[in-house]
Amino acid sequence: MRVWGHIADCLKRSGACALVTIARADGSTPREDGARMVVTAEGGFYGTIGGGTLEFEAIRRSVAAIREGVASFVLQNVSLGPDLGQCCGGRTQIAIEVLTRASLEMAQALSQKEAERHPISTEALIVDGVVQQRRLLTDDPTSRISLQHDQETGNQLLVEKFGSQRRELYLFGAGHVGKAVVLALAPLPFSVTWVDSRADQFPGAVPGNVRKIASTDPAAILDQAPEGAFVLAMTHSHALDEDIMARALLHQRFAYCGVIGSKTKRARFLKRLKARGLTDALTSNMVCPVGVTTVRSKEPASIAAGIAVDLLVRDEAGNSQQAAAGGGLAQKLTLGQ
């Protein structure tokens, strides 16, 4: 969700809104640290912190805070069972920040940065219960939101990360399944580079996380792909799929190399790739068939749904491994009642 885009729109329209953030989540909770929603003065909202009574109460409290007419920042601890009667059993800490029209210029500037499709990080002092002007950080904080003590002023320093780190996916093929995959991945944390040799196969409009590339040499586009990208081939030509897989596997820097097809296609590709000089160690990294293979339907949308689930699971697993290697748990907020 484009948090600052919604905030800017709300401030232009009504002059105030609230940013609600799950600052800390312990135990069984509906959402994780950093989940956010933007609440309007009328009680409308964008995004979710998990629904149910927790979200209902957060909206109610946000609207009440907005109606006071002043900027503010509060932290509230909630035990889902004792406080709300929910069965989750966990505890959350919720940050509710009211923003007024005085923050419109800042919100518009952050919205523009947010639109560049990369996560942005900010810091701001909290003085007398009000978040001051945010400034962009060049370093990436380890947590989605943290509150630190500022040595110079004695105030609290709020450090936040907005937006999600999107996995780069190079998708080859703009046929029926390719189109369905693009739609299935639209709301998920992927940045899709969609490649086909036939420019007329692309639809005119695509989701915001997609860029289209028409190339007479699709496989060569992989030379531009970043390390850790996912590569998925589903072109109109098995020969082209083979070229793409060979190039992807030879790079030895992609986190996933998949090609749509059957077990028979996999066996033939392994034989042909070996004839090209690729070793068993390299070809073992090729995924074929792709997606959730227990989905039997061959409808493009069903195939795409299975692929989306599989890619999401692989992305989350990779992110978890990276986070574990980076030093453990992120700092969490501890201030507030």
C-alpha atoms as a PDB file:
ATOM      1  CA  MET A   1       0.000   0.000   0.000  1.00  0.00           C
ATOM      2  CA  ARG A   2       1.205   3.501  -0.826  1.00  0.00           C
ATOM      3  CA  VAL A   3       0.876   4.918   2.678  1.00  0.00           C
ATOM      4  CA  TRP A   4       1.958   8.479   1.933  1.00  0.00           C
ATOM      5  CA  GLY A   5      -0.082   8.677  -1.238  1.00  0.00           C
ATOM      6  CA  HIS A   6      -3.234   8.018   0.783  1.00  0.00           C
ATOM      7  CA  ILE A   7      -2.130  10.411   3.537  1.00  0.00           C
ATOM      8  CA  ALA A   8      -1.511  13.197   1.032  1.00  0.00           C
ATOM      9  CA  ASP A   9      -4.918  12.627  -0.578  1.00  0.00           C
ATOM     10  CA  CYS A  10      -6.663  12.688   2.817  1.00  0.00           C
ATOM     11  CA  LEU A  11      -4.912  15.877   3.914  1.00  0.00           C
ATOM     12  CA  LYS A  12      -5.828  17.623   0.659  1.00  0.00           C
ATOM     13  CA  ARG A  13      -9.429  16.481   0.906  1.00  0.00           C
ATOM     14  CA  SER A  14     -10.277  16.944   4.583  1.00  0.00           C
ATOM     15  CA  GLY A  15      -7.208  18.379   6.298  1.00  0.00           C
ATOM     16  CA  ALA A  16      -6.561  15.502   8.703  1.00  0.00           C
ATOM     17  CA  CYS A  17      -6.131  11.741   8.948  1.00  0.00           C
ATOM     18  CA  ALA A  18      -4.499   9.127  11.162  1.00  0.00           C
ATOM     19  CA  LEU A  19      -1.672   6.717  10.439  1.00  0.00           C
ATOM     20  CA  VAL A  20      -2.141   3.489  12.403  1.00  0.00           C
ATOM     21  CA  THR A  21       0.821   1.137  12.730  1.00  0.00           C
ATOM     22  CA  ILE A  22       1.349  -2.207  14.441  1.00  0.00           C
ATOM     23  CA  ALA A  23       4.443  -1.140  16.367  1.00  0.00           C
ATOM     24  CA  ARG A  24       4.927  -4.464  18.107  1.00  0.00           C
ATOM     25  CA  ALA A  25       3.332  -7.892  17.788  1.00  0.00           C
ATOM     26  CA  ASP A  26       3.922 -10.705  20.283  1.00  0.00           C
ATOM     27  CA  GLY A  27       2.346 -14.125  20.149  1.00  0.00           C
ATOM     28  CA  SER A  28      -0.633 -14.897  17.931  1.00  0.00           C
ATOM     29  CA  THR A  29      -1.733 -11.627  16.317  1.00  0.00           C
ATOM     30  CA  PRO A  30      -3.669 -10.760  13.145  1.00  0.00           C
ATOM     31  CA  ARG A  31      -0.782  -8.821  11.553  1.00  0.00           C
ATOM     32  CA  GLU A  32       2.966  -8.398  11.924  1.00  0.00           C
ATOM     33  CA  ASP A  33       5.140  -5.480  13.048  1.00  0.00           C
ATOM     34  CA  GLY A  34       4.914  -2.616  10.569  1.00  0.00           C
ATOM     35  CA  ALA A  35       1.410  -3.364   9.236  1.00  0.00           C
ATOM     36  CA  ARG A  36      -0.306  -0.033   8.577  1.00  0.00           C
ATOM     37  CA  MET A  37      -3.582   1.583   7.725  1.00  0.00           C
ATOM     38  CA  VAL A  38      -4.623   5.165   7.041  1.00  0.00           C
ATOM     39  CA  VAL A  39      -7.889   6.265   8.695  1.00  0.00           C
ATOM     40  CA  THR A  40      -9.902   9.186   7.368  1.00  0.00           C
ATOM     41  CA  ALA A  41     -11.773  11.765   9.418  1.00  0.00           C
ATOM     42  CA  GLU A  42     -15.043  10.098   8.372  1.00  0.00           C
ATOM     43  CA  GLY A  43     -13.946   6.647   9.552  1.00  0.00           C
ATOM     44  CA  GLY A  44     -12.999   5.294   6.159  1.00  0.00           C
ATOM     45  CA  PHE A  45      -9.660   3.559   5.836  1.00  0.00           C
ATOM     46  CA  TYR A  46      -6.987   2.228   3.508  1.00  0.00           C
ATOM     47  CA  GLY A  47      -4.982  -0.888   4.304  1.00  0.00           C
ATOM     48  CA  THR A  48      -5.513  -3.194   7.255  1.00  0.00           C
ATOM     49  CA  ILE A  49      -3.992  -4.144  10.589  1.00  0.00           C
ATOM     50  CA  GLY A  50      -5.827  -7.448  10.585  1.00  0.00           C
ATOM     51  CA  GLY A  51      -9.544  -6.762  10.761  1.00  0.00           C
ATOM     52  CA  GLY A  52     -11.822  -7.816  13.589  1.00  0.00           C
ATOM     53  CA  THR A  53     -12.265  -6.028  16.890  1.00  0.00           C
ATOM     54  CA  LEU A  54      -8.630  -4.872  16.985  1.00  0.00           C
ATOM     55  CA  GLU A  55      -9.046  -2.935  13.754  1.00  0.00           C
ATOM     56  CA  PHE A  56     -12.527  -1.673  14.673  1.00  0.00           C
ATOM     57  CA  GLU A  57     -11.217  -0.237  17.940  1.00  0.00           C
ATOM     58  CA  ALA A  58      -8.172   1.291  16.221  1.00  0.00           C
ATOM     59  CA  ILE A  59     -10.457   3.050  13.734  1.00  0.00           C
ATOM     60  CA  ARG A  60     -12.734   4.284  16.507  1.00  0.00           C
ATOM     61  CA  ARG A  61      -9.814   5.664  18.513  1.00  0.00           C
ATOM     62  CA  SER A  62      -8.281   7.218  15.405  1.00  0.00           C
ATOM     63  CA  VAL A  63     -11.467   9.054  14.460  1.00  0.00           C
ATOM     64  CA  ALA A  64     -11.803  10.354  18.022  1.00  0.00           C
ATOM     65  CA  ALA A  65      -8.199  11.596  17.935  1.00  0.00           C
ATOM     66  CA  ILE A  66      -8.708  13.257  14.533  1.00  0.00           C
ATOM     67  CA  ARG A  67     -11.750  15.113  15.837  1.00  0.00           C
ATOM     68  CA  GLU A  68      -9.608  16.770  18.521  1.00  0.00           C
ATOM     69  CA  GLY A  69      -8.131  18.777  15.646  1.00  0.00           C
ATOM     70  CA  VAL A  70      -4.449  18.640  16.617  1.00  0.00           C
ATOM     71  CA  ALA A  71      -1.454  16.570  15.525  1.00  0.00           C
ATOM     72  CA  SER A  72      -0.556  13.817  17.988  1.00  0.00           C
ATOM     73  CA  PHE A  73       1.246  10.513  18.460  1.00  0.00           C
ATOM     74  CA  VAL A  74       0.270   7.859  21.008  1.00  0.00           C
ATOM     75  CA  LEU A  75       1.192   4.253  21.689  1.00  0.00           C
ATOM     76  CA  GLN A  76      -1.374   1.833  23.076  1.00  0.00           C
ATOM     77  CA  ASN A  77      -0.760  -1.690  24.369  1.00  0.00           C
ATOM     78  CA  VAL A  78      -3.538  -4.173  23.633  1.00  0.00           C
ATOM     79  CA  SER A  79      -3.966  -7.734  24.908  1.00  0.00           C
ATOM     80  CA  LEU A  80      -6.218  -9.328  22.330  1.00  0.00           C
ATOM     81  CA  GLY A  81      -7.890 -11.704  24.776  1.00  0.00           C
ATOM     82  CA  PRO A  82      -8.436  -9.686  27.995  1.00  0.00           C
ATOM     83  CA  ASP A  83      -8.926  -6.305  26.304  1.00  0.00           C
ATOM     84  CA  LEU A  84     -10.867  -7.232  23.179  1.00  0.00           C
ATOM     85  CA  GLY A  85     -12.256 -10.707  23.777  1.00  0.00           C
ATOM     86  CA  GLN A  86     -10.444 -12.109  20.753  1.00  0.00           C
ATOM     87  CA  CYS A  87      -9.176 -15.680  20.709  1.00  0.00           C
ATOM     88  CA  CYS A  88      -5.741 -14.930  19.191  1.00  0.00           C
ATOM     89  CA  GLY A  89      -4.086 -14.667  22.594  1.00  0.00           C
ATOM     90  CA  GLY A  90      -1.317 -12.299  21.549  1.00  0.00           C
ATOM     91  CA  ARG A  91      -0.400  -8.732  22.431  1.00  0.00           C
ATOM     92  CA  THR A  92       0.095  -5.776  20.144  1.00  0.00           C
ATOM     93  CA  GLN A  93       1.309  -2.247  20.525  1.00  0.00           C
ATOM     94  CA  ILE A  94      -0.450   0.194  18.228  1.00  0.00           C
ATOM     95  CA  ALA A  95       0.852   3.615  17.220  1.00  0.00           C
ATOM     96  CA  ILE A  96      -1.786   6.165  16.242  1.00  0.00           C
ATOM     97  CA  GLU A  97      -0.470   9.349  14.665  1.00  0.00           C
ATOM     98  CA  VAL A  98      -2.797  12.176  13.711  1.00  0.00           C
ATOM     99  CA  LEU A  99      -1.549  14.296  10.817  1.00  0.00           C
ATOM    100  CA  THR A 100      -2.985  17.676   9.905  1.00  0.00           C
ATOM    101  CA  ARG A 101      -2.822  19.917   6.878  1.00  0.00           C
ATOM    102  CA  ALA A 102       0.500  21.289   8.167  1.00  0.00           C
ATOM    103  CA  SER A 103       2.028  17.956   7.100  1.00  0.00           C
ATOM    104  CA  LEU A 104       0.661  18.092   3.536  1.00  0.00           C
ATOM    105  CA  GLU A 105       3.873  19.265   1.860  1.00  0.00           C
ATOM    106  CA  MET A 106       5.887  16.581   3.627  1.00  0.00           C
ATOM    107  CA  ALA A 107       3.300  13.934   2.750  1.00  0.00           C
ATOM    108  CA  GLN A 108       3.370  14.903  -0.919  1.00  0.00           C
ATOM    109  CA  ALA A 109       7.176  14.739  -1.011  1.00  0.00           C
ATOM    110  CA  LEU A 110       7.192  11.295   0.622  1.00  0.00           C
ATOM    111  CA  SER A 111       4.419  10.163  -1.710  1.00  0.00           C
ATOM    112  CA  GLN A 112       6.601  11.006  -4.698  1.00  0.00           C
ATOM    113  CA  LYS A 113       9.470   8.980  -3.234  1.00  0.00           C
ATOM    114  CA  GLU A 114       7.096   6.134  -2.489  1.00  0.00           C
ATOM    115  CA  ALA A 115       5.941   6.118  -6.111  1.00  0.00           C
ATOM    116  CA  GLU A 116       9.452   5.190  -7.233  1.00  0.00           C
ATOM    117  CA  ARG A 117       8.630   1.627  -6.094  1.00  0.00           C
ATOM    118  CA  HIS A 118      11.423   1.399  -3.544  1.00  0.00           C
ATOM    119  CA  PRO A 119      11.060   1.307   0.263  1.00  0.00           C
ATOM    120  CA  ILE A 120      11.768   4.619   1.962  1.00  0.00           C
ATOM    121  CA  SER A 121      13.061   5.170   5.487  1.00  0.00           C
ATOM    122  CA  THR A 122      12.498   8.241   7.637  1.00  0.00           C
ATOM    123  CA  GLU A 123      13.320   9.586  11.055  1.00  0.00           C
ATOM    124  CA  ALA A 124      11.670  12.297  13.123  1.00  0.00           C
ATOM    125  CA  LEU A 125      11.770  13.588  16.655  1.00  0.00           C
ATOM    126  CA  ILE A 126       8.693  13.272  18.847  1.00  0.00           C
ATOM    127  CA  VAL A 127       8.325  16.448  20.871  1.00  0.00           C
ATOM    128  CA  ASP A 128       5.462  16.860  23.357  1.00  0.00           C
ATOM    129  CA  GLY A 129       3.566  13.987  21.785  1.00  0.00           C
ATOM    130  CA  VAL A 130       3.824  15.294  18.218  1.00  0.00           C
ATOM    131  CA  VAL A 131       5.897  13.827  15.383  1.00  0.00           C
ATOM    132  CA  GLN A 132       8.025  16.577  13.896  1.00  0.00           C
ATOM    133  CA  GLN A 133       9.089  16.943  10.253  1.00  0.00           C
ATOM    134  CA  ARG A 134      10.301  13.627   8.895  1.00  0.00           C
ATOM    135  CA  ARG A 135      13.574  13.419   6.985  1.00  0.00           C
ATOM    136  CA  LEU A 136      14.665  10.680   4.619  1.00  0.00           C
ATOM    137  CA  LEU A 137      17.384   8.263   5.693  1.00  0.00           C
ATOM    138  CA  THR A 138      20.004   6.843   3.370  1.00  0.00           C
ATOM    139  CA  ASP A 139      20.622   3.805   5.567  1.00  0.00           C
ATOM    140  CA  ASP A 140      18.036   1.052   5.727  1.00  0.00           C
ATOM    141  CA  PRO A 141      16.840   0.402   9.317  1.00  0.00           C
ATOM    142  CA  THR A 142      16.539  -3.173  10.499  1.00  0.00           C
ATOM    143  CA  SER A 143      12.948  -2.810  11.688  1.00  0.00           C
ATOM    144  CA  ARG A 144       9.769  -1.381  10.189  1.00  0.00           C
ATOM    145  CA  ILE A 145       9.320   0.971  13.144  1.00  0.00           C
ATOM    146  CA  SER A 146      11.454   1.727  16.182  1.00  0.00           C
ATOM    147  CA  LEU A 147      11.644   4.389  18.854  1.00  0.00           C
ATOM    148  CA  GLN A 148      15.053   5.491  20.065  1.00  0.00           C
ATOM    149  CA  HIS A 149      16.357   7.996  22.605  1.00  0.00           C
ATOM    150  CA  ASP A 150      17.941  11.071  21.011  1.00  0.00           C
ATOM    151  CA  GLN A 151      21.044  11.948  23.020  1.00  0.00           C
ATOM    152  CA  GLU A 152      21.189  15.582  21.920  1.00  0.00           C
ATOM    153  CA  THR A 153      17.632  16.643  22.733  1.00  0.00           C
ATOM    154  CA  GLY A 154      16.466  14.013  25.189  1.00  0.00           C
ATOM    155  CA  ASN A 155      13.398  13.444  23.011  1.00  0.00           C
ATOM    156  CA  GLN A 156      12.343  10.232  21.323  1.00  0.00           C
ATOM    157  CA  LEU A 157      13.462   9.550  17.762  1.00  0.00           C
ATOM    158  CA  LEU A 158      10.966   7.709  15.567  1.00  0.00           C
ATOM    159  CA  VAL A 159      12.582   5.638  12.787  1.00  0.00           C
ATOM    160  CA  GLU A 160      10.310   4.028  10.202  1.00  0.00           C
ATOM    161  CA  LYS A 161      10.434   2.102   6.967  1.00  0.00           C
ATOM    162  CA  PHE A 162       7.592   2.460   4.462  1.00  0.00           C
ATOM    163  CA  GLY A 163       6.889   0.215   1.515  1.00  0.00           C
ATOM    164  CA  SER A 164       7.985  -3.364   1.014  1.00  0.00           C
ATOM    165  CA  GLN A 165      11.142  -4.751  -0.480  1.00  0.00           C
ATOM    166  CA  ARG A 166       9.931  -6.273  -3.715  1.00  0.00           C
ATOM    167  CA  ARG A 167      11.521  -9.363  -5.216  1.00  0.00           C
ATOM    168  CA  GLU A 168      12.628  -8.785  -8.796  1.00  0.00           C
ATOM    169  CA  LEU A 169      10.901 -11.249 -11.112  1.00  0.00           C
ATOM    170  CA  TYR A 170      11.841 -11.590 -14.756  1.00  0.00           C
ATOM    171  CA  LEU A 171       8.801 -13.088 -16.465  1.00  0.00           C
ATOM    172  CA  PHE A 172       9.238 -14.256 -20.055  1.00  0.00           C
ATOM    173  CA  GLY A 173       6.124 -14.717 -22.143  1.00  0.00           C
ATOM    174  CA  ALA A 174       2.998 -12.596 -22.645  1.00  0.00           C
ATOM    175  CA  GLY A 175       0.616 -15.394 -23.525  1.00  0.00           C
ATOM    176  CA  HIS A 176      -2.536 -16.370 -21.651  1.00  0.00           C
ATOM    177  CA  VAL A 177      -0.730 -17.728 -18.588  1.00  0.00           C
ATOM    178  CA  GLY A 178       1.785 -14.873 -18.571  1.00  0.00           C
ATOM    179  CA  LYS A 179      -1.057 -12.347 -18.506  1.00  0.00           C
ATOM    180  CA  ALA A 180      -2.749 -14.242 -15.676  1.00  0.00           C
ATOM    181  CA  VAL A 181       0.496 -14.411 -13.677  1.00  0.00           C
ATOM    182  CA  VAL A 182       0.966 -10.646 -13.977  1.00  0.00           C
ATOM    183  CA  LEU A 183      -2.525 -10.079 -12.564  1.00  0.00           C
ATOM    184  CA  ALA A 184      -2.012 -12.630  -9.775  1.00  0.00           C
ATOM    185  CA  LEU A 185       1.225 -10.932  -8.694  1.00  0.00           C
ATOM    186  CA  ALA A 186      -0.156  -7.376  -8.849  1.00  0.00           C
ATOM    187  CA  PRO A 187      -0.914  -7.088  -5.093  1.00  0.00           C
ATOM    188  CA  LEU A 188       2.100  -9.154  -3.991  1.00  0.00           C
ATOM    189  CA  PRO A 189       5.668  -8.001  -3.172  1.00  0.00           C
ATOM    190  CA  PHE A 190       7.163  -8.535  -6.619  1.00  0.00           C
ATOM    191  CA  SER A 191       8.600  -6.115  -9.123  1.00  0.00           C
ATOM    192  CA  VAL A 192       7.943  -7.725 -12.492  1.00  0.00           C
ATOM    193  CA  THR A 193       9.993  -7.202 -15.626  1.00  0.00           C
ATOM    194  CA  TRP A 194       7.794  -8.700 -18.344  1.00  0.00           C
ATOM    195  CA  VAL A 195       9.638  -9.718 -21.500  1.00  0.00           C
ATOM    196  CA  ASP A 196       8.406 -10.936 -24.877  1.00  0.00           C
ATOM    197  CA  SER A 197       9.686 -10.791 -28.419  1.00  0.00           C
ATOM    198  CA  ARG A 198       6.197  -9.872 -29.655  1.00  0.00           C
ATOM    199  CA  ALA A 199       5.350  -6.322 -28.648  1.00  0.00           C
ATOM    200  CA  ASP A 200       1.743  -6.680 -29.784  1.00  0.00           C
ATOM    201  CA  GLN A 201       1.104  -9.397 -27.189  1.00  0.00           C
ATOM    202  CA  PHE A 202       1.340  -7.010 -24.251  1.00  0.00           C
ATOM    203  CA  PRO A 203      -1.881  -5.433 -22.972  1.00  0.00           C
ATOM    204  CA  GLY A 204      -2.007  -1.653 -23.067  1.00  0.00           C
ATOM    205  CA  ALA A 205      -2.385  -1.257 -19.311  1.00  0.00           C
ATOM    206  CA  VAL A 206      -0.458  -3.242 -16.713  1.00  0.00           C
ATOM    207  CA  PRO A 207      -0.299  -3.184 -12.887  1.00  0.00           C
ATOM    208  CA  GLY A 208       1.959  -0.609 -11.275  1.00  0.00           C
ATOM    209  CA  ASN A 209       4.588  -3.190 -10.315  1.00  0.00           C
ATOM    210  CA  VAL A 210       5.170  -4.225 -13.936  1.00  0.00           C
ATOM    211  CA  ARG A 211       7.402  -2.883 -16.695  1.00  0.00           C
ATOM    212  CA  LYS A 212       7.193  -4.255 -20.240  1.00  0.00           C
ATOM    213  CA  ILE A 213      10.164  -5.015 -22.465  1.00  0.00           C
ATOM    214  CA  ALA A 214       9.829  -6.110 -26.099  1.00  0.00           C
ATOM    215  CA  SER A 215      13.115  -7.638 -27.253  1.00  0.00           C
ATOM    216  CA  THR A 216      14.248  -9.664 -30.231  1.00  0.00           C
ATOM    217  CA  ASP A 217      16.693 -11.420 -27.897  1.00  0.00           C
ATOM    218  CA  PRO A 218      14.726 -12.010 -24.689  1.00  0.00           C
ATOM    219  CA  ALA A 219      17.359 -14.199 -22.985  1.00  0.00           C
ATOM    220  CA  ALA A 220      19.910 -11.367 -23.184  1.00  0.00           C
ATOM    221  CA  ILE A 221      17.716  -9.279 -20.862  1.00  0.00           C
ATOM    222  CA  LEU A 222      18.910 -11.515 -18.028  1.00  0.00           C
ATOM    223  CA  ASP A 223      22.306  -9.834 -18.177  1.00  0.00           C
ATOM    224  CA  GLN A 224      20.580  -6.786 -16.632  1.00  0.00           C
ATOM    225  CA  ALA A 225      18.810  -8.730 -13.874  1.00  0.00           C
ATOM    226  CA  PRO A 226      20.023  -8.223 -10.295  1.00  0.00           C
ATOM    227  CA  GLU A 227      21.410 -10.931  -8.070  1.00  0.00           C
ATOM    228  CA  GLY A 228      18.713 -12.870  -6.247  1.00  0.00           C
ATOM    229  CA  ALA A 229      16.054 -12.222  -8.880  1.00  0.00           C
ATOM    230  CA  PHE A 230      13.465 -14.844  -9.789  1.00  0.00           C
ATOM    231  CA  VAL A 231      13.364 -16.002 -13.424  1.00  0.00           C
ATOM    232  CA  LEU A 232      10.241 -17.574 -14.888  1.00  0.00           C
ATOM    233  CA  ALA A 233       9.971 -18.660 -18.535  1.00  0.00           C
ATOM    234  CA  MET A 234       6.650 -19.386 -20.252  1.00  0.00           C
ATOM    235  CA  THR A 235       7.088 -18.198 -23.827  1.00  0.00           C
ATOM    236  CA  HIS A 236       5.379 -19.414 -26.992  1.00  0.00           C
ATOM    237  CA  SER A 237       8.510 -21.371 -27.959  1.00  0.00           C
ATOM    238  CA  HIS A 238      10.158 -24.315 -26.173  1.00  0.00           C
ATOM    239  CA  ALA A 239      13.424 -23.428 -27.895  1.00  0.00           C
ATOM    240  CA  LEU A 240      13.246 -19.915 -26.491  1.00  0.00           C
ATOM    241  CA  ASP A 241      12.372 -21.259 -23.035  1.00  0.00           C
ATOM    242  CA  GLU A 242      15.473 -23.440 -23.265  1.00  0.00           C
ATOM    243  CA  ASP A 243      17.678 -20.491 -24.209  1.00  0.00           C
ATOM    244  CA  ILE A 244      16.330 -18.478 -21.286  1.00  0.00           C
ATOM    245  CA  MET A 245      16.858 -21.345 -18.806  1.00  0.00           C
ATOM    246  CA  ALA A 246      20.390 -22.000 -20.055  1.00  0.00           C
ATOM    247  CA  ARG A 247      21.350 -18.371 -19.671  1.00  0.00           C
ATOM    248  CA  ALA A 248      19.671 -18.060 -16.280  1.00  0.00           C
ATOM    249  CA  LEU A 249      21.340 -21.174 -14.862  1.00  0.00           C
ATOM    250  CA  LEU A 250      24.754 -20.199 -16.199  1.00  0.00           C
ATOM    251  CA  HIS A 251      24.546 -16.871 -14.368  1.00  0.00           C
ATOM    252  CA  GLN A 252      24.477 -18.779 -11.055  1.00  0.00           C
ATOM    253  CA  ARG A 253      23.127 -15.712  -9.232  1.00  0.00           C
ATOM    254  CA  PHE A 254      19.363 -16.072  -9.413  1.00  0.00           C
ATOM    255  CA  ALA A 255      17.313 -17.310  -6.463  1.00  0.00           C
ATOM    256  CA  TYR A 256      14.807 -19.120  -8.649  1.00  0.00           C
ATOM    257  CA  CYS A 257      14.885 -20.411 -12.245  1.00  0.00           C
ATOM    258  CA  GLY A 258      11.573 -21.894 -13.365  1.00  0.00           C
ATOM    259  CA  VAL A 259      10.073 -22.911 -16.677  1.00  0.00           C
ATOM    260  CA  ILE A 260       6.459 -23.846 -17.219  1.00  0.00           C
ATOM    261  CA  GLY A 261       5.900 -27.384 -18.423  1.00  0.00           C
ATOM    262  CA  SER A 262       5.424 -31.044 -17.584  1.00  0.00           C
ATOM    263  CA  LYS A 263       7.749 -33.688 -16.169  1.00  0.00           C
ATOM    264  CA  THR A 264       8.352 -34.766 -19.770  1.00  0.00           C
ATOM    265  CA  LYS A 265       9.461 -31.244 -20.703  1.00  0.00           C
ATOM    266  CA  ARG A 266      11.765 -31.212 -17.686  1.00  0.00           C
ATOM    267  CA  ALA A 267      13.420 -34.475 -18.761  1.00  0.00           C
ATOM    268  CA  ARG A 268      13.962 -33.198 -22.293  1.00  0.00           C
ATOM    269  CA  PHE A 269      15.309 -29.868 -21.084  1.00  0.00           C
ATOM    270  CA  LEU A 270      17.776 -31.582 -18.740  1.00  0.00           C
ATOM    271  CA  LYS A 271      19.083 -33.651 -21.623  1.00  0.00           C
ATOM    272  CA  ARG A 272      19.396 -30.641 -23.928  1.00  0.00           C
ATOM    273  CA  LEU A 273      20.980 -28.428 -21.286  1.00  0.00           C
ATOM    274  CA  LYS A 274      23.535 -31.136 -20.562  1.00  0.00           C
ATOM    275  CA  ALA A 275      24.331 -31.224 -24.288  1.00  0.00           C
ATOM    276  CA  ARG A 276      24.976 -27.469 -24.059  1.00  0.00           C
ATOM    277  CA  GLY A 277      27.624 -28.161 -21.423  1.00  0.00           C
ATOM    278  CA  LEU A 278      25.647 -27.366 -18.267  1.00  0.00           C
ATOM    279  CA  THR A 279      26.576 -29.605 -15.348  1.00  0.00           C
ATOM    280  CA  ASP A 280      24.159 -31.580 -13.225  1.00  0.00           C
ATOM    281  CA  ALA A 281      24.839 -29.146 -10.368  1.00  0.00           C
ATOM    282  CA  LEU A 282      23.590 -26.272 -12.527  1.00  0.00           C
ATOM    283  CA  THR A 283      20.576 -28.006 -14.053  1.00  0.00           C
ATOM    284  CA  SER A 284      19.405 -29.258 -10.656  1.00  0.00           C
ATOM    285  CA  ASN A 285      18.428 -25.659  -9.897  1.00  0.00           C
ATOM    286  CA  MET A 286      15.842 -25.604 -12.686  1.00  0.00           C
ATOM    287  CA  VAL A 287      12.242 -25.796 -11.437  1.00  0.00           C
ATOM    288  CA  CYS A 288       9.848 -27.586 -13.793  1.00  0.00           C
ATOM    289  CA  PRO A 289       6.914 -28.007 -13.425  1.00  0.00           C
ATOM    290  CA  VAL A 290       6.314 -24.691 -11.689  1.00  0.00           C
ATOM    291  CA  GLY A 291       3.730 -23.602  -9.165  1.00  0.00           C
ATOM    292  CA  VAL A 292       1.594 -25.673  -6.829  1.00  0.00           C
ATOM    293  CA  THR A 293       1.410 -28.914  -8.784  1.00  0.00           C
ATOM    294  CA  THR A 294      -1.537 -30.241  -6.780  1.00  0.00           C
ATOM    295  CA  VAL A 295      -3.739 -27.684  -8.557  1.00  0.00           C
ATOM    296  CA  ARG A 296      -5.100 -29.777 -11.422  1.00  0.00           C
ATOM    297  CA  SER A 297      -6.958 -27.112 -13.393  1.00  0.00           C
ATOM    298  CA  LYS A 298      -5.297 -25.933 -16.580  1.00  0.00           C
ATOM    299  CA  GLU A 299      -7.222 -22.675 -16.699  1.00  0.00           C
ATOM    300  CA  PRO A 300      -4.689 -19.793 -16.962  1.00  0.00           C
ATOM    301  CA  ALA A 301      -6.002 -18.127 -13.797  1.00  0.00           C
ATOM    302  CA  SER A 302      -5.727 -21.374 -11.814  1.00  0.00           C
ATOM    303  CA  ILE A 303      -2.199 -22.033 -13.057  1.00  0.00           C
ATOM    304  CA  ALA A 304      -1.271 -18.438 -12.191  1.00  0.00           C
ATOM    305  CA  ALA A 305      -2.714 -18.780  -8.686  1.00  0.00           C
ATOM    306  CA  GLY A 306      -0.554 -21.838  -8.046  1.00  0.00           C
ATOM    307  CA  ILE A 307       2.515 -20.071  -9.395  1.00  0.00           C
ATOM    308  CA  ALA A 308       1.847 -16.996  -7.271  1.00  0.00           C
ATOM    309  CA  VAL A 309       1.551 -19.092  -4.095  1.00  0.00           C
ATOM    310  CA  ASP A 310       4.776 -20.964  -4.828  1.00  0.00           C
ATOM    311  CA  LEU A 311       6.720 -17.787  -5.622  1.00  0.00           C
ATOM    312  CA  LEU A 312       5.410 -16.064  -2.484  1.00  0.00           C
ATOM    313  CA  VAL A 313       6.460 -19.014  -0.287  1.00  0.00           C
ATOM    314  CA  ARG A 314       9.925 -19.055  -1.860  1.00  0.00           C
ATOM    315  CA  ASP A 315      10.292 -15.286  -1.478  1.00  0.00           C
ATOM    316  CA  GLU A 316       9.303 -15.358   2.197  1.00  0.00           C
ATOM    317  CA  ALA A 317      11.692 -18.259   2.864  1.00  0.00           C
ATOM    318  CA  GLY A 318      14.523 -16.374   1.199  1.00  0.00           C
ATOM    319  CA  ASN A 319      13.770 -13.208   3.141  1.00  0.00           C
ATOM    320  CA  SER A 320      13.698 -15.146   6.415  1.00  0.00           C
ATOM    321  CA  GLN A 321      17.094 -16.678   5.709  1.00  0.00           C
ATOM    322  CA  GLN A 322      18.498 -13.268   4.850  1.00  0.00           C
ATOM    323  CA  ALA A 323      17.083 -11.716   8.021  1.00  0.00           C
ATOM    324  CA  ALA A 324      18.517 -14.525  10.156  1.00  0.00           C
ATOM    325  CA  ALA A 325      21.940 -14.042   8.584  1.00  0.00           C
ATOM    326  CA  GLY A 326      21.696 -10.292   9.191  1.00  0.00           C
ATOM    327  CA  GLY A 327      21.693 -10.440  12.968  1.00  0.00           C
ATOM    328  CA  GLY A 328      18.428 -11.597  14.419  1.00  0.00           C
ATOM    329  CA  LEU A 329      15.357  -9.748  15.605  1.00  0.00           C
ATOM    330  CA  ALA A 330      14.743  -6.119  14.829  1.00  0.00           C
ATOM    331  CA  GLN A 331      14.459  -3.537  17.603  1.00  0.00           C
ATOM    332  CA  LYS A 332      10.900  -3.053  18.808  1.00  0.00           C
ATOM    333  CA  LEU A 333       9.021  -0.251  20.536  1.00  0.00           C
ATOM    334  CA  THR A 334       8.657  -0.464  24.273  1.00  0.00           C
ATOM    335  CA  LEU A 335       7.276   2.969  25.140  1.00  0.00           C
ATOM    336  CA  GLY A 336       3.657   3.680  25.980  1.00  0.00           C
ATOM    337  CA  GLN A 337       0.724   2.148  27.812  1.00  0.00           C
END
